[in-house]
Amino acid sequence: MIRTEGLTRRFGDRTAVEDLTLEVEAGEVLGLLGPNGAGKTTTVRMLAGLLAPTSGRAWVAGHEVGREPGAIRPKVGFLPETPGFYKRLSVERNLRYFAQLYGVPQPQAAVRRVLERLSLWDRRGEAVATLSKGLRQRLGLARALVHEPQVLFLDEPTSGLDPESAREVREFIGELAGERRTILLCTHNLAEAEELSTWIAVLRTRLVALDRPGELKRRLSGSRILVDLANPRPEFTSLALPFVRGASLDGSVLAVDVEDPEREAPALVRRLVELGAEIQAVRREERTLEEVYLELVGRGDGAD
């Protein structure tokens, strides 16, 4: 549903996005991560047809960006970080205006349907200016959905929301993915990205990494095995195995640095049993998505 090949955008001498190549299928959520100025919003604006690429190509919902804008726009919903509305008009009138702008056949029915789904129907007569930040964000989602698009671009959808409102928005995004909609999610909230995303893409002008969240953490985790012991003893740190780089004991957890955790764990367990260790659990130390992200952004050494 979203595909890019070498997508690039320059502003004069400054390159905002360079050589971006990726693909997202129906029902998948791509979490697009990166520091401020990394090119996330520029990427979204290009894919939404709001900004022409300098070079490269992209397809959204089967149509090429830049060549078929009239075909793409009805199939795309866009929630910017700060949605714009006519603040003096009511919730209903705002949404009806956008429904008519998209050419929705029965705008009143579509407005009611999406407002009810987002628990805004009871607020339909209120002026947008009187709504809280959370309600405006929900209204922004309603606007992005009123024409039933196949693809959604969400830029910081929970920014500035209280925890309860943010949770409601995340749950709704999960429901949308379950409806086979393709979603590109730009966020600085790494827990949110990990919870919602099928894929994680780390962008720093160029694509630094692209993988599933769990696989990304696994591949970039350190080479350390953690062993939970029922009888921790200092001598267990002296393992005399050629692949062990070092070992330390913290309470009941033995941390062993090795070359290849998956290959060497069985031999390590056998040696510990020989030494009299009572093993309760063995696991590979896994880094958090935040740790992985910070390393990738700091390294930024090209697509992986």
Protein backbone atom coordinates (compact mmCIF):
# COMPACT_ATOMS: atom_id res chain seq x y z
CA MET A 1 0.00 0.00 0.00
CA ILE A 2 3.01 2.29 0.53
CA ARG A 3 6.19 1.82 -1.46
CA THR A 4 9.16 4.11 -2.03
CA GLU A 5 12.24 3.77 -4.21
CA GLY A 6 15.11 6.19 -3.64
CA LEU A 7 12.73 8.91 -2.44
CA THR A 8 14.66 12.16 -1.96
CA ARG A 9 13.75 15.73 -1.10
CA ARG A 10 16.13 18.70 -1.08
CA PHE A 11 15.50 22.29 -0.05
CA GLY A 12 18.23 24.24 -1.80
CA ASP A 13 21.55 22.87 -0.53
CA ARG A 14 19.93 21.01 2.37
CA THR A 15 18.81 17.40 1.97
CA ALA A 16 15.79 16.60 4.15
CA VAL A 17 15.24 13.00 2.97
CA GLU A 18 17.75 10.97 0.99
CA ASP A 19 17.33 7.74 -0.95
CA LEU A 20 14.44 6.34 1.11
CA THR A 21 13.36 2.85 0.07
CA LEU A 22 10.74 0.87 2.01
CA GLU A 23 7.42 -0.95 1.68
CA VAL A 24 4.38 -1.25 3.96
CA GLU A 25 1.52 -3.65 3.26
CA ALA A 26 -2.20 -3.40 4.07
CA GLY A 27 -2.90 -3.82 7.78
CA GLU A 28 0.66 -2.94 8.78
CA VAL A 29 1.79 -0.01 10.91
CA LEU A 30 5.17 1.57 10.16
CA GLY A 31 6.58 3.47 13.11
CA LEU A 32 8.79 6.20 11.65
CA LEU A 33 11.31 7.31 14.27
CA GLY A 34 14.04 9.91 14.24
CA PRO A 35 15.21 13.11 15.92
CA ASN A 36 13.81 16.52 15.05
CA GLY A 37 14.90 17.46 11.54
CA ALA A 38 15.44 13.83 10.52
CA GLY A 39 12.95 14.09 7.63
CA LYS A 40 9.90 12.34 9.09
CA THR A 41 7.36 15.08 8.40
CA THR A 42 8.90 15.75 4.96
CA THR A 43 8.47 12.05 4.15
CA VAL A 44 4.82 12.11 5.20
CA ARG A 45 4.13 15.27 3.20
CA MET A 46 5.65 13.72 0.09
CA LEU A 47 3.63 10.52 0.46
CA ALA A 48 0.44 12.49 1.11
CA GLY A 49 0.98 14.45 -2.10
CA LEU A 50 1.55 17.76 -0.32
CA LEU A 51 5.20 18.06 -1.32
CA ALA A 52 6.87 16.97 -4.55
CA PRO A 53 9.96 14.76 -4.26
CA THR A 54 13.20 16.02 -5.77
CA SER A 55 14.01 12.55 -7.05
CA GLY A 56 12.99 8.95 -6.56
CA ARG A 57 9.50 7.46 -6.77
CA ALA A 58 6.71 6.46 -4.40
CA TRP A 59 3.37 4.68 -4.66
CA VAL A 60 0.45 4.98 -2.25
CA ALA A 61 -2.63 2.76 -2.55
CA GLY A 62 -1.47 1.67 -6.00
CA HIS A 63 -0.99 5.19 -7.41
CA GLU A 64 2.26 7.00 -8.07
CA VAL A 65 2.97 10.07 -5.98
CA GLY A 66 3.35 13.23 -8.06
CA ARG A 67 1.65 11.78 -11.11
CA GLU A 68 -1.79 10.81 -9.81
CA PRO A 69 -2.62 13.28 -7.01
CA GLY A 70 -6.33 13.18 -7.79
CA ALA A 71 -6.38 9.40 -7.35
CA ILE A 72 -4.28 9.34 -4.18
CA ARG A 73 -5.99 12.01 -2.07
CA PRO A 74 -9.36 10.24 -1.64
CA LYS A 75 -7.51 7.15 -0.38
CA VAL A 76 -5.33 8.94 2.16
CA GLY A 77 -6.11 10.41 5.58
CA PHE A 78 -3.64 12.78 7.22
CA LEU A 79 -3.48 13.80 10.87
CA PRO A 80 -0.84 16.51 11.37
CA GLU A 81 0.69 17.15 14.79
CA THR A 82 -1.52 20.22 15.18
CA PRO A 83 -4.79 19.76 13.24
CA GLY A 84 -6.31 22.95 11.89
CA PHE A 85 -10.02 23.68 12.25
CA TYR A 86 -12.44 26.57 11.96
CA LYS A 87 -12.58 27.21 15.67
CA ARG A 88 -15.79 29.25 15.71
CA LEU A 89 -17.71 26.53 13.90
CA SER A 90 -19.13 23.50 15.63
CA VAL A 91 -17.59 20.05 15.60
CA GLU A 92 -20.26 18.81 13.21
CA ARG A 93 -20.02 21.72 10.78
CA ASN A 94 -16.23 21.43 10.64
CA LEU A 95 -16.38 17.75 9.84
CA ARG A 96 -19.21 18.14 7.33
CA TYR A 97 -17.15 20.75 5.50
CA PHE A 98 -14.19 18.37 5.17
CA ALA A 99 -16.48 15.51 4.15
CA GLN A 100 -17.86 17.65 1.34
CA LEU A 101 -14.34 18.70 0.39
CA TYR A 102 -13.47 15.02 -0.08
CA GLY A 103 -16.62 14.47 -2.10
CA VAL A 104 -18.15 11.98 0.36
CA PRO A 105 -21.50 10.88 -1.21
CA GLN A 106 -23.58 11.16 1.99
CA PRO A 107 -21.61 13.61 4.12
CA GLN A 108 -24.09 13.87 7.00
CA ALA A 109 -24.24 10.10 7.48
CA ALA A 110 -20.45 9.84 7.24
CA VAL A 111 -20.00 12.61 9.81
CA ARG A 112 -22.35 10.97 12.26
CA ARG A 113 -20.72 7.57 11.80
CA VAL A 114 -17.19 8.78 12.50
CA LEU A 115 -18.20 11.09 15.36
CA GLU A 116 -20.05 8.27 17.08
CA ARG A 117 -17.08 5.97 16.63
CA LEU A 118 -14.78 8.49 18.31
CA SER A 119 -17.31 9.32 21.07
CA LEU A 120 -17.76 12.88 19.80
CA TRP A 121 -21.38 12.78 18.66
CA ASP A 122 -22.63 14.26 21.93
CA ARG A 123 -20.22 17.18 21.42
CA ARG A 124 -21.25 17.84 17.83
CA GLY A 125 -22.86 21.20 18.55
CA GLU A 126 -19.92 22.64 20.49
CA ALA A 127 -17.52 25.12 18.92
CA VAL A 128 -14.08 23.65 18.29
CA ALA A 129 -12.53 26.52 20.27
CA THR A 130 -14.12 25.16 23.45
CA LEU A 131 -12.67 21.63 23.09
CA SER A 132 -9.74 20.31 25.09
CA LYS A 133 -6.49 19.25 23.41
CA GLY A 134 -7.51 15.59 23.65
CA LEU A 135 -10.91 16.18 22.05
CA ARG A 136 -9.36 18.22 19.24
CA GLN A 137 -6.94 15.38 18.58
CA ARG A 138 -9.85 12.96 18.38
CA LEU A 139 -11.58 15.36 16.02
CA GLY A 140 -8.41 15.40 13.93
CA LEU A 141 -8.64 11.62 13.68
CA ALA A 142 -12.29 11.94 12.70
CA ARG A 143 -11.34 14.35 9.93
CA ALA A 144 -8.66 11.96 8.68
CA LEU A 145 -11.21 9.11 8.62
CA VAL A 146 -14.41 10.76 7.42
CA HIS A 147 -13.85 9.65 3.80
CA GLU A 148 -12.84 6.07 4.81
CA PRO A 149 -9.26 6.15 3.48
CA GLN A 150 -7.15 3.03 2.94
CA VAL A 151 -3.94 4.73 4.12
CA LEU A 152 -3.41 6.91 7.19
CA PHE A 153 -0.52 9.24 7.95
CA LEU A 154 -0.41 10.11 11.65
CA ASP A 155 2.10 12.71 12.83
CA GLU A 156 2.54 12.63 16.64
CA PRO A 157 -1.10 11.56 17.24
CA THR A 158 -0.77 11.54 21.07
CA SER A 159 1.41 14.63 21.44
CA GLY A 160 0.35 16.73 24.45
CA LEU A 161 -2.41 14.35 25.51
CA ASP A 162 -3.01 13.19 29.07
CA PRO A 163 -2.32 9.47 29.70
CA GLU A 164 -5.97 8.42 29.45
CA SER A 165 -6.59 10.29 26.18
CA ALA A 166 -3.32 8.96 24.73
CA ARG A 167 -4.32 5.41 25.62
CA GLU A 168 -7.70 5.86 23.90
CA VAL A 169 -6.00 7.15 20.74
CA ARG A 170 -3.53 4.23 20.73
CA GLU A 171 -6.34 1.72 21.12
CA PHE A 172 -8.17 3.33 18.22
CA ILE A 173 -5.07 3.18 16.02
CA GLY A 174 -4.82 -0.52 16.82
CA GLU A 175 -8.43 -1.00 15.73
CA LEU A 176 -7.74 0.80 12.44
CA ALA A 177 -4.81 -1.49 11.69
CA GLY A 178 -7.11 -4.43 12.39
CA GLU A 179 -9.36 -3.15 9.61
CA ARG A 180 -6.53 -3.68 7.10
CA ARG A 181 -5.70 0.00 6.84
CA THR A 182 -2.07 0.89 6.21
CA ILE A 183 -0.71 3.34 8.78
CA LEU A 184 2.46 5.41 8.85
CA LEU A 185 3.01 6.65 12.40
CA CYS A 186 5.51 9.41 13.19
CA THR A 187 6.22 9.61 16.90
CA HIS A 188 8.85 10.43 19.51
CA ASN A 189 7.11 8.09 21.95
CA LEU A 190 9.16 4.90 21.72
CA ALA A 191 6.83 2.86 23.93
CA GLU A 192 3.96 3.87 21.67
CA ALA A 193 5.93 2.93 18.55
CA GLU A 194 6.82 -0.47 19.99
CA GLU A 195 3.21 -1.16 21.05
CA LEU A 196 1.59 -0.22 17.74
CA SER A 197 4.13 -0.84 14.99
CA THR A 198 4.52 -3.85 12.74
CA TRP A 199 7.76 -2.32 11.49
CA ILE A 200 10.14 0.27 12.92
CA ALA A 201 12.05 2.57 10.57
CA VAL A 202 14.74 4.83 12.04
CA LEU A 203 15.37 7.86 9.86
CA ARG A 204 18.17 10.37 10.06
CA THR A 205 17.82 11.94 6.60
CA ARG A 206 18.78 8.48 5.34
CA LEU A 207 17.19 5.23 6.48
CA VAL A 208 19.35 3.94 9.34
CA ALA A 209 17.40 0.77 10.19
CA LEU A 210 14.20 -1.03 9.21
CA ASP A 211 12.90 -4.14 10.99
CA ARG A 212 10.20 -5.52 13.26
CA PRO A 213 10.50 -4.10 16.80
CA GLY A 214 11.42 -7.38 18.49
CA GLU A 215 13.91 -8.36 15.79
CA LEU A 216 15.50 -4.91 15.85
CA LYS A 217 16.08 -5.19 19.60
CA ARG A 218 17.35 -8.76 19.28
CA ARG A 219 19.85 -7.99 16.52
CA LEU A 220 21.25 -4.98 18.31
CA SER A 221 21.31 -6.41 21.81
CA GLY A 222 24.66 -7.07 23.45
CA SER A 223 26.31 -10.49 23.55
CA ARG A 224 25.45 -11.24 27.17
CA ILE A 225 23.72 -14.25 28.74
CA LEU A 226 21.90 -13.82 32.05
CA VAL A 227 21.59 -16.85 34.30
CA ASP A 228 19.23 -16.83 37.31
CA LEU A 229 20.73 -18.97 40.09
CA ALA A 230 19.16 -20.52 43.17
CA ASN A 231 22.62 -20.84 44.77
CA PRO A 232 24.77 -17.90 43.60
CA ARG A 233 28.46 -18.32 44.46
CA PRO A 234 31.52 -16.21 43.50
CA GLU A 235 33.31 -19.20 41.90
CA PHE A 236 30.66 -19.32 39.16
CA THR A 237 32.32 -16.24 37.62
CA SER A 238 35.46 -18.31 36.88
CA LEU A 239 34.16 -20.45 34.05
CA ALA A 240 37.38 -21.25 32.13
CA LEU A 241 35.60 -21.43 28.77
CA PRO A 242 37.32 -20.10 25.61
CA PHE A 243 34.31 -18.10 24.41
CA VAL A 244 33.65 -16.33 27.73
CA ARG A 245 34.90 -12.76 27.73
CA GLY A 246 33.94 -12.02 31.31
CA ALA A 247 31.41 -12.78 34.03
CA SER A 248 29.96 -10.96 37.01
CA LEU A 249 27.49 -11.78 39.75
CA ASP A 250 24.75 -9.35 40.80
CA GLY A 251 22.66 -10.89 43.56
CA SER A 252 21.31 -14.12 42.12
CA VAL A 253 21.94 -13.17 38.47
CA LEU A 254 25.12 -14.26 36.73
CA ALA A 255 25.96 -12.09 33.70
CA VAL A 256 28.25 -13.74 31.18
CA ASP A 257 29.72 -11.90 28.16
CA VAL A 258 30.19 -14.24 25.21
CA GLU A 259 30.73 -14.08 21.46
CA ASP A 260 27.47 -15.66 20.27
CA PRO A 261 24.74 -16.13 22.94
CA GLU A 262 22.57 -18.52 20.91
CA ARG A 263 25.45 -20.80 19.93
CA GLU A 264 27.27 -20.79 23.25
CA ALA A 265 24.43 -20.92 25.81
CA PRO A 266 24.24 -24.78 25.92
CA ALA A 267 27.96 -25.13 26.65
CA LEU A 268 27.76 -22.43 29.30
CA VAL A 269 24.86 -24.18 31.04
CA ARG A 270 26.73 -27.52 31.02
CA ARG A 271 29.78 -25.90 32.61
CA LEU A 272 27.73 -24.22 35.32
CA VAL A 273 25.98 -27.50 36.16
CA GLU A 274 29.39 -29.17 36.44
CA LEU A 275 30.37 -26.47 38.95
CA GLY A 276 27.25 -27.22 40.99
CA ALA A 277 25.04 -24.32 39.90
CA GLU A 278 21.29 -24.65 40.42
CA ILE A 279 19.92 -22.85 37.37
CA GLN A 280 16.43 -21.37 37.45
CA ALA A 281 16.42 -19.55 34.09
CA VAL A 282 18.70 -18.63 31.20
CA ARG A 283 18.04 -15.68 28.93
CA ARG A 284 19.77 -13.33 26.58
CA GLU A 285 20.06 -9.77 27.81
CA GLU A 286 17.73 -7.70 25.64
CA ARG A 287 18.09 -3.99 25.21
CA THR A 288 15.14 -1.64 25.24
CA LEU A 289 13.91 0.02 22.06
CA GLU A 290 15.07 3.32 23.54
CA GLU A 291 18.63 2.03 23.92
CA VAL A 292 18.61 0.63 20.38
CA TYR A 293 17.16 3.85 18.96
CA LEU A 294 19.73 6.06 20.69
CA GLU A 295 22.56 3.91 19.37
CA LEU A 296 21.19 3.96 15.83
CA VAL A 297 20.58 7.70 15.80
CA GLY A 298 24.01 8.36 17.26
CA ARG A 299 25.65 5.98 14.80
CA GLY A 300 23.56 6.80 11.72
CA ASP A 301 25.89 4.84 9.45
CA GLY A 302 23.44 3.92 6.69
CA ALA A 303 20.53 1.61 6.01
CA ASP A 304 20.48 -1.85 7.54
